[in-house]
């Protein structure tokens, strides 16, 4: 998992819960990285799971809700580092439809070893899109949050429903309805 995901996550934890909480969740975890991350490094997904789990346990906030909050922070960070990310698109549905053929292609150019989820469009109309998310990481709530932030950036109301296609959430159907 790319280091930027970790550095931004820890920045969010510090911002929302304080530096003491950052130290606490790092110390509670058995991290391969020993809690040291750089934006350009690559780290084990198990580190993120431990940090998320300990943050959830210490705050009584569900991992899903933490991922939604994190997605808002991460979206802003992505736009800061890649300001032209949304400029190519006039509509949030078009941007989401281009995840596989444009956005992930660009990410792979910058980070060839990045392990990205896949998004397959199952159906699309002008006001509705159904996408299938697949990832062994099961971070579908982060995906949902990034989708919500995409629509928010275009000032377009949206409703996104999540249907797990398996118990662990490695395959999920997103039904995206423009409100």
N, C-alpha and C. Protein backbone atom coordinates (compact mmCIF):
# COMPACT_ATOMS: atom_id res chain seq x y z
N UNK A 1 0.85 -1.17 0.00
CA UNK A 1 0.00 0.00 0.00
C UNK A 1 0.90 1.23 0.00
N UNK A 2 0.55 2.22 -0.80
CA UNK A 2 1.39 3.40 -0.96
C UNK A 2 1.45 4.23 0.33
N UNK A 3 2.62 4.78 0.57
CA UNK A 3 2.87 5.55 1.77
C UNK A 3 1.99 6.76 1.94
N UNK A 4 1.59 7.37 0.81
CA UNK A 4 0.72 8.54 0.91
C UNK A 4 -0.57 8.20 1.67
N UNK A 5 -1.07 7.00 1.48
CA UNK A 5 -2.29 6.57 2.18
C UNK A 5 -2.04 6.59 3.68
N UNK A 6 -0.86 6.15 4.11
CA UNK A 6 -0.51 6.14 5.53
C UNK A 6 -0.25 7.54 6.06
N UNK A 7 0.55 8.32 5.33
CA UNK A 7 0.89 9.65 5.84
C UNK A 7 -0.35 10.53 5.95
N UNK A 8 -1.24 10.43 4.98
CA UNK A 8 -2.48 11.22 5.04
C UNK A 8 -3.40 10.71 6.15
N UNK A 9 -3.43 9.40 6.36
CA UNK A 9 -4.26 8.84 7.43
C UNK A 9 -3.77 9.35 8.79
N UNK A 10 -2.47 9.28 9.02
CA UNK A 10 -1.93 9.74 10.30
C UNK A 10 -2.09 11.24 10.48
N UNK A 11 -2.02 11.98 9.38
CA UNK A 11 -2.28 13.43 9.44
C UNK A 11 -3.72 13.68 9.87
N UNK A 12 -4.65 12.92 9.31
CA UNK A 12 -6.06 13.05 9.69
C UNK A 12 -6.25 12.71 11.17
N UNK A 13 -5.64 11.62 11.62
CA UNK A 13 -5.78 11.22 13.03
C UNK A 13 -5.26 12.34 13.93
N UNK A 14 -4.13 12.92 13.59
CA UNK A 14 -3.59 14.02 14.39
C UNK A 14 -4.53 15.22 14.39
N UNK A 15 -5.06 15.53 13.20
CA UNK A 15 -5.97 16.67 13.04
C UNK A 15 -7.25 16.49 13.86
N UNK A 16 -7.82 15.29 13.81
CA UNK A 16 -9.13 15.04 14.45
C UNK A 16 -9.02 14.61 15.91
N UNK A 17 -7.95 13.87 16.26
CA UNK A 17 -7.87 13.26 17.59
C UNK A 17 -6.62 13.62 18.36
N UNK A 18 -5.67 14.29 17.71
CA UNK A 18 -4.47 14.74 18.40
C UNK A 18 -3.27 13.82 18.22
N UNK A 19 -2.10 14.38 18.47
CA UNK A 19 -0.85 13.66 18.32
C UNK A 19 -0.75 12.50 19.33
N UNK A 20 -1.35 12.66 20.50
CA UNK A 20 -1.34 11.59 21.49
C UNK A 20 -2.02 10.34 20.93
N UNK A 21 -3.10 10.53 20.18
CA UNK A 21 -3.80 9.39 19.59
C UNK A 21 -2.94 8.73 18.51
N UNK A 22 -2.24 9.53 17.72
CA UNK A 22 -1.34 8.97 16.71
C UNK A 22 -0.32 8.06 17.39
N UNK A 23 0.32 8.58 18.44
CA UNK A 23 1.30 7.78 19.18
C UNK A 23 0.67 6.53 19.78
N UNK A 24 -0.53 6.69 20.30
CA UNK A 24 -1.21 5.57 20.95
C UNK A 24 -1.49 4.43 19.98
N UNK A 25 -2.05 4.75 18.80
CA UNK A 25 -2.39 3.67 17.86
C UNK A 25 -1.14 3.04 17.25
N UNK A 26 -0.09 3.84 17.09
CA UNK A 26 1.18 3.28 16.59
C UNK A 26 1.76 2.32 17.63
N UNK A 27 1.76 2.74 18.89
CA UNK A 27 2.32 1.91 19.96
C UNK A 27 1.49 0.66 20.23
N UNK A 28 0.19 0.72 19.99
CA UNK A 28 -0.68 -0.44 20.19
C UNK A 28 -0.52 -1.46 19.07
N UNK A 29 0.04 -1.05 17.97
CA UNK A 29 0.15 -1.89 16.78
C UNK A 29 1.52 -2.57 16.71
N UNK A 30 1.56 -3.68 16.01
CA UNK A 30 2.82 -4.38 15.72
C UNK A 30 3.11 -4.14 14.24
N UNK A 31 3.69 -3.00 13.94
CA UNK A 31 3.84 -2.53 12.56
C UNK A 31 5.16 -2.95 11.95
N UNK A 32 5.10 -3.47 10.73
CA UNK A 32 6.33 -3.81 10.00
C UNK A 32 7.20 -2.58 9.82
N UNK A 33 6.57 -1.43 9.65
CA UNK A 33 7.29 -0.18 9.40
C UNK A 33 7.76 0.49 10.68
N UNK A 34 7.34 -0.05 11.81
CA UNK A 34 7.60 0.55 13.12
C UNK A 34 6.97 1.94 13.23
N UNK A 35 5.95 2.20 12.39
CA UNK A 35 5.23 3.47 12.45
C UNK A 35 5.89 4.60 11.70
N UNK A 36 6.87 4.28 10.89
CA UNK A 36 7.58 5.31 10.11
C UNK A 36 7.16 5.17 8.65
N UNK A 37 6.54 6.23 8.11
CA UNK A 37 6.03 6.19 6.74
C UNK A 37 6.49 7.41 5.97
N UNK A 38 6.76 7.20 4.70
CA UNK A 38 7.00 8.32 3.79
C UNK A 38 5.96 8.22 2.68
N UNK A 39 5.61 9.34 2.09
CA UNK A 39 4.58 9.36 1.07
C UNK A 39 4.92 8.48 -0.13
N UNK A 40 6.21 8.34 -0.45
CA UNK A 40 6.60 7.58 -1.64
C UNK A 40 6.92 6.12 -1.36
N UNK A 41 6.93 5.74 -0.08
CA UNK A 41 7.24 4.35 0.28
C UNK A 41 6.07 3.42 -0.01
N UNK A 42 6.32 2.13 0.15
CA UNK A 42 5.28 1.11 0.02
C UNK A 42 5.29 0.28 1.29
N UNK A 43 4.11 0.06 1.85
CA UNK A 43 4.00 -0.60 3.15
C UNK A 43 2.93 -1.68 3.13
N UNK A 44 2.97 -2.51 4.14
CA UNK A 44 2.04 -3.62 4.24
C UNK A 44 0.64 -3.13 4.59
N UNK A 45 -0.34 -3.72 3.94
CA UNK A 45 -1.74 -3.40 4.23
C UNK A 45 -2.09 -3.74 5.68
N UNK A 46 -1.44 -4.75 6.22
CA UNK A 46 -1.72 -5.15 7.60
C UNK A 46 -1.42 -3.99 8.57
N UNK A 47 -0.47 -3.13 8.23
CA UNK A 47 -0.20 -1.96 9.06
C UNK A 47 -1.43 -1.06 9.11
N UNK A 48 -2.02 -0.81 7.95
CA UNK A 48 -3.20 0.06 7.91
C UNK A 48 -4.36 -0.56 8.69
N UNK A 49 -4.54 -1.85 8.52
CA UNK A 49 -5.62 -2.52 9.26
C UNK A 49 -5.44 -2.37 10.77
N UNK A 50 -4.22 -2.54 11.23
CA UNK A 50 -3.96 -2.39 12.67
C UNK A 50 -4.24 -0.96 13.14
N UNK A 51 -3.75 0.01 12.38
CA UNK A 51 -3.96 1.41 12.76
C UNK A 51 -5.45 1.76 12.78
N UNK A 52 -6.17 1.33 11.76
CA UNK A 52 -7.61 1.57 11.70
C UNK A 52 -8.34 0.90 12.86
N UNK A 53 -8.01 -0.35 13.12
CA UNK A 53 -8.67 -1.11 14.19
C UNK A 53 -8.42 -0.45 15.54
N UNK A 54 -7.18 -0.06 15.80
CA UNK A 54 -6.89 0.57 17.09
C UNK A 54 -7.55 1.95 17.20
N UNK A 55 -7.60 2.69 16.11
CA UNK A 55 -8.30 3.98 16.16
C UNK A 55 -9.77 3.76 16.44
N UNK A 56 -10.36 2.79 15.79
CA UNK A 56 -11.77 2.47 16.02
C UNK A 56 -12.01 2.08 17.48
N UNK A 57 -11.16 1.22 18.00
CA UNK A 57 -11.31 0.77 19.39
C UNK A 57 -11.14 1.91 20.39
N UNK A 58 -10.24 2.82 20.10
CA UNK A 58 -9.97 3.94 21.02
C UNK A 58 -10.99 5.07 20.92
N UNK A 59 -11.72 5.14 19.83
CA UNK A 59 -12.67 6.24 19.63
C UNK A 59 -14.12 5.79 19.64
N UNK A 60 -14.34 4.48 19.63
CA UNK A 60 -15.70 3.93 19.51
C UNK A 60 -16.40 4.39 18.23
N UNK A 61 -15.62 4.62 17.19
CA UNK A 61 -16.16 4.96 15.87
C UNK A 61 -15.89 3.75 14.98
N UNK A 62 -16.89 3.32 14.24
CA UNK A 62 -16.72 2.13 13.40
C UNK A 62 -15.67 2.37 12.32
N UNK A 63 -15.05 1.29 11.89
CA UNK A 63 -14.05 1.39 10.82
C UNK A 63 -14.69 1.98 9.56
N UNK A 64 -15.92 1.57 9.24
CA UNK A 64 -16.60 2.13 8.07
C UNK A 64 -16.76 3.64 8.18
N UNK A 65 -17.16 4.12 9.36
CA UNK A 65 -17.32 5.57 9.53
C UNK A 65 -15.97 6.29 9.49
N UNK A 66 -14.94 5.67 10.05
CA UNK A 66 -13.61 6.26 9.97
C UNK A 66 -13.14 6.36 8.52
N UNK A 67 -13.43 5.33 7.72
CA UNK A 67 -13.03 5.35 6.30
C UNK A 67 -13.77 6.46 5.54
N UNK A 68 -15.03 6.70 5.90
CA UNK A 68 -15.76 7.78 5.24
C UNK A 68 -15.15 9.15 5.59
N UNK A 69 -14.79 9.34 6.84
CA UNK A 69 -14.14 10.59 7.24
C UNK A 69 -12.78 10.72 6.56
N UNK A 70 -12.05 9.61 6.53
CA UNK A 70 -10.74 9.62 5.90
C UNK A 70 -10.84 9.93 4.40
N UNK A 71 -11.87 9.44 3.75
CA UNK A 71 -12.01 9.68 2.31
C UNK A 71 -12.14 11.16 2.00
N UNK A 72 -12.80 11.90 2.88
CA UNK A 72 -12.93 13.35 2.68
C UNK A 72 -11.54 14.00 2.73
N UNK A 73 -10.76 13.61 3.72
CA UNK A 73 -9.40 14.14 3.86
C UNK A 73 -8.51 13.72 2.68
N UNK A 74 -8.60 12.43 2.32
CA UNK A 74 -7.77 11.91 1.23
C UNK A 74 -8.11 12.56 -0.10
N UNK A 75 -9.38 12.80 -0.36
CA UNK A 75 -9.80 13.43 -1.61
C UNK A 75 -9.15 14.82 -1.73
N UNK A 76 -9.19 15.58 -0.64
CA UNK A 76 -8.58 16.91 -0.65
C UNK A 76 -7.07 16.81 -0.90
N UNK A 77 -6.44 15.83 -0.27
CA UNK A 77 -4.99 15.64 -0.46
C UNK A 77 -4.68 15.25 -1.90
N UNK A 78 -5.50 14.39 -2.48
CA UNK A 78 -5.29 13.99 -3.88
C UNK A 78 -5.44 15.17 -4.82
N UNK A 79 -6.42 16.03 -4.55
CA UNK A 79 -6.60 17.22 -5.39
C UNK A 79 -5.45 18.20 -5.21
N UNK A 80 -4.89 18.24 -4.00
CA UNK A 80 -3.76 19.13 -3.74
C UNK A 80 -2.52 18.66 -4.51
N UNK A 81 -2.28 17.34 -4.52
CA UNK A 81 -1.10 16.83 -5.20
C UNK A 81 -1.32 16.64 -6.70
N UNK A 82 -2.57 16.47 -7.10
CA UNK A 82 -2.93 16.31 -8.52
C UNK A 82 -4.09 17.25 -8.84
N UNK A 83 -3.84 18.56 -8.90
CA UNK A 83 -4.92 19.54 -9.04
C UNK A 83 -5.74 19.41 -10.33
N UNK A 84 -5.17 18.79 -11.35
CA UNK A 84 -5.89 18.66 -12.62
C UNK A 84 -6.72 17.39 -12.71
N UNK A 85 -6.77 16.64 -11.62
CA UNK A 85 -7.46 15.35 -11.62
C UNK A 85 -8.90 15.44 -12.13
N UNK A 86 -9.64 16.43 -11.68
CA UNK A 86 -11.04 16.53 -12.08
C UNK A 86 -11.26 17.48 -13.25
N UNK A 87 -10.22 18.23 -13.64
CA UNK A 87 -10.37 19.22 -14.70
C UNK A 87 -10.76 18.62 -16.05
N UNK A 88 -10.42 17.36 -16.27
CA UNK A 88 -10.73 16.71 -17.55
C UNK A 88 -12.22 16.39 -17.69
N UNK A 89 -12.97 16.56 -16.62
CA UNK A 89 -14.35 16.08 -16.60
C UNK A 89 -15.32 17.21 -16.29
N UNK A 90 -16.46 17.15 -16.94
CA UNK A 90 -17.52 18.13 -16.71
C UNK A 90 -18.62 17.54 -15.83
N UNK A 91 -18.53 16.24 -15.59
CA UNK A 91 -19.59 15.55 -14.87
C UNK A 91 -18.98 14.47 -13.96
N UNK A 92 -19.47 14.35 -12.72
CA UNK A 92 -18.90 13.35 -11.82
C UNK A 92 -19.10 11.91 -12.29
N UNK A 93 -20.19 11.64 -13.00
CA UNK A 93 -20.42 10.28 -13.52
C UNK A 93 -19.34 9.92 -14.54
N UNK A 94 -18.96 10.89 -15.36
CA UNK A 94 -17.90 10.65 -16.34
C UNK A 94 -16.57 10.35 -15.64
N UNK A 95 -16.29 11.10 -14.58
CA UNK A 95 -15.05 10.87 -13.85
C UNK A 95 -15.05 9.46 -13.25
N UNK A 96 -16.15 9.06 -12.60
CA UNK A 96 -16.20 7.72 -12.02
C UNK A 96 -16.10 6.64 -13.08
N UNK A 97 -16.73 6.88 -14.22
CA UNK A 97 -16.68 5.90 -15.31
C UNK A 97 -15.27 5.75 -15.87
N UNK A 98 -14.41 6.74 -15.63
CA UNK A 98 -13.06 6.70 -16.18
C UNK A 98 -12.02 6.16 -15.20
N UNK A 99 -12.44 5.70 -14.05
CA UNK A 99 -11.48 5.24 -13.03
C UNK A 99 -10.50 4.23 -13.62
N UNK A 100 -11.01 3.20 -14.26
CA UNK A 100 -10.13 2.13 -14.78
C UNK A 100 -9.29 2.57 -15.96
N UNK A 101 -9.90 3.30 -16.91
CA UNK A 101 -9.22 3.62 -18.16
C UNK A 101 -8.40 4.90 -18.13
N UNK A 102 -8.56 5.74 -17.11
CA UNK A 102 -7.79 6.97 -17.06
C UNK A 102 -7.08 7.14 -15.72
N UNK A 103 -7.85 7.24 -14.65
CA UNK A 103 -7.28 7.56 -13.34
C UNK A 103 -6.30 6.48 -12.87
N UNK A 104 -6.73 5.23 -12.90
CA UNK A 104 -5.84 4.16 -12.45
C UNK A 104 -4.64 3.97 -13.39
N UNK A 105 -4.80 4.27 -14.66
CA UNK A 105 -3.68 4.22 -15.60
C UNK A 105 -2.63 5.25 -15.20
N UNK A 106 -3.09 6.45 -14.86
CA UNK A 106 -2.17 7.51 -14.44
C UNK A 106 -1.50 7.18 -13.11
N UNK A 107 -2.26 6.61 -12.19
CA UNK A 107 -1.69 6.21 -10.90
C UNK A 107 -0.60 5.16 -11.11
N UNK A 108 -0.85 4.19 -11.99
CA UNK A 108 0.12 3.13 -12.25
C UNK A 108 1.41 3.68 -12.89
N UNK A 109 1.29 4.76 -13.66
CA UNK A 109 2.48 5.39 -14.23
C UNK A 109 3.36 5.97 -13.13
N UNK A 110 2.72 6.59 -12.13
CA UNK A 110 3.46 7.22 -11.04
C UNK A 110 3.93 6.17 -10.04
N UNK A 111 3.04 5.22 -9.74
CA UNK A 111 3.34 4.17 -8.74
C UNK A 111 3.11 2.80 -9.37
N UNK A 112 4.07 2.30 -10.14
CA UNK A 112 3.88 1.03 -10.87
C UNK A 112 3.54 -0.16 -9.97
N UNK A 113 3.97 -0.12 -8.73
CA UNK A 113 3.71 -1.25 -7.83
C UNK A 113 2.41 -1.09 -7.04
N UNK A 114 1.66 -0.02 -7.29
CA UNK A 114 0.41 0.20 -6.56
C UNK A 114 -0.58 -0.93 -6.85
N UNK A 115 -1.23 -1.40 -5.79
CA UNK A 115 -2.25 -2.43 -5.92
C UNK A 115 -3.60 -1.75 -5.78
N UNK A 116 -4.23 -1.53 -6.91
CA UNK A 116 -5.47 -0.75 -6.95
C UNK A 116 -6.69 -1.65 -7.04
N UNK A 117 -7.81 -1.19 -6.50
CA UNK A 117 -9.04 -1.95 -6.70
C UNK A 117 -9.47 -1.83 -8.16
N UNK A 118 -10.37 -2.70 -8.57
CA UNK A 118 -10.94 -2.55 -9.91
C UNK A 118 -12.39 -2.12 -9.78
N UNK A 119 -12.82 -1.36 -10.77
CA UNK A 119 -14.20 -0.88 -10.84
C UNK A 119 -14.73 -1.21 -12.23
N UNK A 120 -15.74 -2.05 -12.26
CA UNK A 120 -16.33 -2.47 -13.53
C UNK A 120 -17.73 -1.86 -13.61
N UNK A 121 -18.01 -1.19 -14.73
CA UNK A 121 -19.33 -0.60 -14.91
C UNK A 121 -20.29 -1.68 -15.39
N UNK A 122 -21.32 -1.91 -14.60
CA UNK A 122 -22.31 -2.93 -14.91
C UNK A 122 -23.46 -2.33 -15.73
N UNK A 123 -23.79 -1.07 -15.43
CA UNK A 123 -24.88 -0.40 -16.13
C UNK A 123 -24.70 1.11 -15.94
N UNK A 124 -25.11 1.88 -16.95
CA UNK A 124 -25.00 3.32 -16.83
C UNK A 124 -26.05 4.02 -17.68
N UNK A 125 -26.71 4.98 -17.05
CA UNK A 125 -27.60 5.89 -17.76
C UNK A 125 -27.13 7.31 -17.40
N UNK A 126 -27.87 8.29 -17.80
CA UNK A 126 -27.48 9.66 -17.50
C UNK A 126 -27.54 9.96 -16.00
N UNK A 127 -28.46 9.31 -15.29
CA UNK A 127 -28.65 9.62 -13.87
C UNK A 127 -28.29 8.48 -12.92
N UNK A 128 -27.90 7.33 -13.47
CA UNK A 128 -27.62 6.18 -12.61
C UNK A 128 -26.45 5.37 -13.17
N UNK A 129 -25.63 4.88 -12.25
CA UNK A 129 -24.54 4.01 -12.66
C UNK A 129 -24.39 2.91 -11.61
N UNK A 130 -24.15 1.71 -12.10
CA UNK A 130 -23.89 0.58 -11.22
C UNK A 130 -22.48 0.11 -11.50
N UNK A 131 -21.67 0.09 -10.43
CA UNK A 131 -20.27 -0.30 -10.54
C UNK A 131 -19.99 -1.46 -9.60
N UNK A 132 -19.14 -2.37 -10.06
CA UNK A 132 -18.69 -3.47 -9.22
C UNK A 132 -17.26 -3.17 -8.78
N UNK A 133 -17.05 -3.15 -7.48
CA UNK A 133 -15.75 -2.92 -6.87
C UNK A 133 -15.17 -4.28 -6.49
N UNK A 134 -13.89 -4.48 -6.81
CA UNK A 134 -13.20 -5.71 -6.41
C UNK A 134 -11.83 -5.32 -5.86
N UNK A 135 -11.56 -5.81 -4.65
CA UNK A 135 -10.25 -5.59 -4.03
C UNK A 135 -10.10 -6.54 -2.86
N UNK A 136 -8.95 -7.16 -2.76
CA UNK A 136 -8.70 -8.04 -1.62
C UNK A 136 -8.57 -7.24 -0.32
N UNK A 137 -8.49 -5.92 -0.41
CA UNK A 137 -8.36 -5.07 0.77
C UNK A 137 -9.72 -4.75 1.42
N UNK A 138 -10.81 -4.91 0.70
CA UNK A 138 -12.16 -4.66 1.22
C UNK A 138 -12.32 -3.25 1.82
N UNK A 139 -11.74 -2.27 1.18
CA UNK A 139 -11.87 -0.87 1.62
C UNK A 139 -12.97 -0.16 0.82
N UNK A 140 -14.06 -0.85 0.62
CA UNK A 140 -15.14 -0.30 -0.21
C UNK A 140 -15.74 0.98 0.37
N UNK A 141 -15.71 1.15 1.69
CA UNK A 141 -16.24 2.39 2.26
C UNK A 141 -15.34 3.57 1.94
N UNK A 142 -14.05 3.33 1.80
CA UNK A 142 -13.16 4.38 1.33
C UNK A 142 -13.53 4.75 -0.10
N UNK A 143 -13.80 3.74 -0.92
CA UNK A 143 -14.25 3.98 -2.30
C UNK A 143 -15.54 4.76 -2.34
N UNK A 144 -16.49 4.37 -1.49
CA UNK A 144 -17.76 5.10 -1.44
C UNK A 144 -17.53 6.55 -1.05
N UNK A 145 -16.70 6.75 -0.05
CA UNK A 145 -16.41 8.12 0.40
C UNK A 145 -15.77 8.96 -0.68
N UNK A 146 -14.83 8.38 -1.42
CA UNK A 146 -14.19 9.12 -2.52
C UNK A 146 -15.21 9.45 -3.61
N UNK A 147 -16.16 8.53 -3.85
CA UNK A 147 -17.22 8.83 -4.82
C UNK A 147 -18.09 9.98 -4.33
N UNK A 148 -18.45 9.96 -3.05
CA UNK A 148 -19.27 11.04 -2.48
C UNK A 148 -18.53 12.38 -2.60
N UNK A 149 -17.23 12.36 -2.32
CA UNK A 149 -16.43 13.59 -2.43
C UNK A 149 -16.34 14.07 -3.87
N UNK A 150 -16.30 13.14 -4.82
CA UNK A 150 -16.27 13.51 -6.23
C UNK A 150 -17.54 14.28 -6.58
N UNK A 151 -18.69 13.75 -6.18
CA UNK A 151 -19.95 14.45 -6.48
C UNK A 151 -20.02 15.79 -5.76
N UNK A 152 -19.52 15.82 -4.52
CA UNK A 152 -19.52 17.06 -3.75
C UNK A 152 -18.68 18.12 -4.47
N UNK A 153 -17.54 17.71 -5.04
CA UNK A 153 -16.67 18.67 -5.72
C UNK A 153 -17.31 19.25 -6.97
N UNK A 154 -18.22 18.49 -7.57
CA UNK A 154 -18.96 18.97 -8.74
C UNK A 154 -20.27 19.67 -8.34
N UNK A 155 -20.55 19.69 -7.03
CA UNK A 155 -21.78 20.28 -6.49
C UNK A 155 -23.02 19.60 -7.08
N UNK A 156 -22.95 18.26 -7.15
CA UNK A 156 -24.05 17.46 -7.67
C UNK A 156 -24.51 16.51 -6.56
N UNK A 157 -25.79 16.60 -6.17
CA UNK A 157 -26.29 15.69 -5.14
C UNK A 157 -26.32 14.24 -5.63
N UNK A 158 -26.05 13.31 -4.72
CA UNK A 158 -25.98 11.90 -5.11
C UNK A 158 -26.42 11.02 -3.95
N UNK A 159 -26.89 9.85 -4.29
CA UNK A 159 -27.17 8.79 -3.33
C UNK A 159 -26.40 7.57 -3.80
N UNK A 160 -25.61 6.98 -2.90
CA UNK A 160 -24.82 5.81 -3.26
C UNK A 160 -25.18 4.67 -2.32
N UNK A 161 -25.70 3.60 -2.91
CA UNK A 161 -26.04 2.41 -2.14
C UNK A 161 -24.92 1.38 -2.30
N UNK A 162 -24.67 0.65 -1.22
CA UNK A 162 -23.62 -0.36 -1.20
C UNK A 162 -24.25 -1.71 -0.94
N UNK A 163 -23.92 -2.67 -1.81
CA UNK A 163 -24.40 -4.04 -1.63
C UNK A 163 -23.19 -4.97 -1.67
N UNK A 164 -22.90 -5.59 -0.54
CA UNK A 164 -21.79 -6.54 -0.50
C UNK A 164 -22.17 -7.78 -1.30
N UNK A 165 -21.28 -8.18 -2.18
CA UNK A 165 -21.51 -9.38 -2.98
C UNK A 165 -20.88 -10.61 -2.33
N UNK A 166 -20.10 -10.38 -1.29
CA UNK A 166 -19.61 -11.46 -0.44
C UNK A 166 -19.49 -10.93 0.98
N UNK A 167 -19.37 -11.81 1.94
CA UNK A 167 -19.40 -11.42 3.35
C UNK A 167 -18.29 -10.45 3.74
N UNK A 168 -17.11 -10.63 3.17
CA UNK A 168 -15.97 -9.84 3.61
C UNK A 168 -15.81 -8.50 2.88
N UNK A 169 -16.62 -8.28 1.86
CA UNK A 169 -16.59 -6.99 1.18
C UNK A 169 -15.49 -6.80 0.16
N UNK A 170 -14.95 -7.91 -0.34
CA UNK A 170 -13.94 -7.78 -1.39
C UNK A 170 -14.59 -7.59 -2.76
N UNK A 171 -15.89 -7.85 -2.84
CA UNK A 171 -16.68 -7.54 -4.04
C UNK A 171 -17.95 -6.83 -3.59
N UNK A 172 -18.16 -5.65 -4.15
CA UNK A 172 -19.27 -4.81 -3.72
C UNK A 172 -19.90 -4.18 -4.95
N UNK A 173 -21.21 -4.04 -4.92
CA UNK A 173 -21.93 -3.33 -5.98
C UNK A 173 -22.32 -1.95 -5.45
N UNK A 174 -21.87 -0.92 -6.15
CA UNK A 174 -22.26 0.44 -5.86
C UNK A 174 -23.37 0.84 -6.84
N UNK A 175 -24.48 1.29 -6.31
CA UNK A 175 -25.54 1.86 -7.14
C UNK A 175 -25.54 3.36 -6.88
N UNK A 176 -25.19 4.11 -7.90
CA UNK A 176 -24.98 5.55 -7.79
C UNK A 176 -26.13 6.25 -8.51
N UNK A 177 -26.93 7.00 -7.74
CA UNK A 177 -28.07 7.72 -8.31
C UNK A 177 -27.87 9.22 -8.11
N UNK A 178 -27.83 9.92 -9.21
CA UNK A 178 -27.77 11.38 -9.14
C UNK A 178 -29.11 11.84 -8.56
N UNK A 179 -29.05 12.65 -7.51
CA UNK A 179 -30.30 13.09 -6.83
C UNK A 179 -30.97 14.21 -7.60
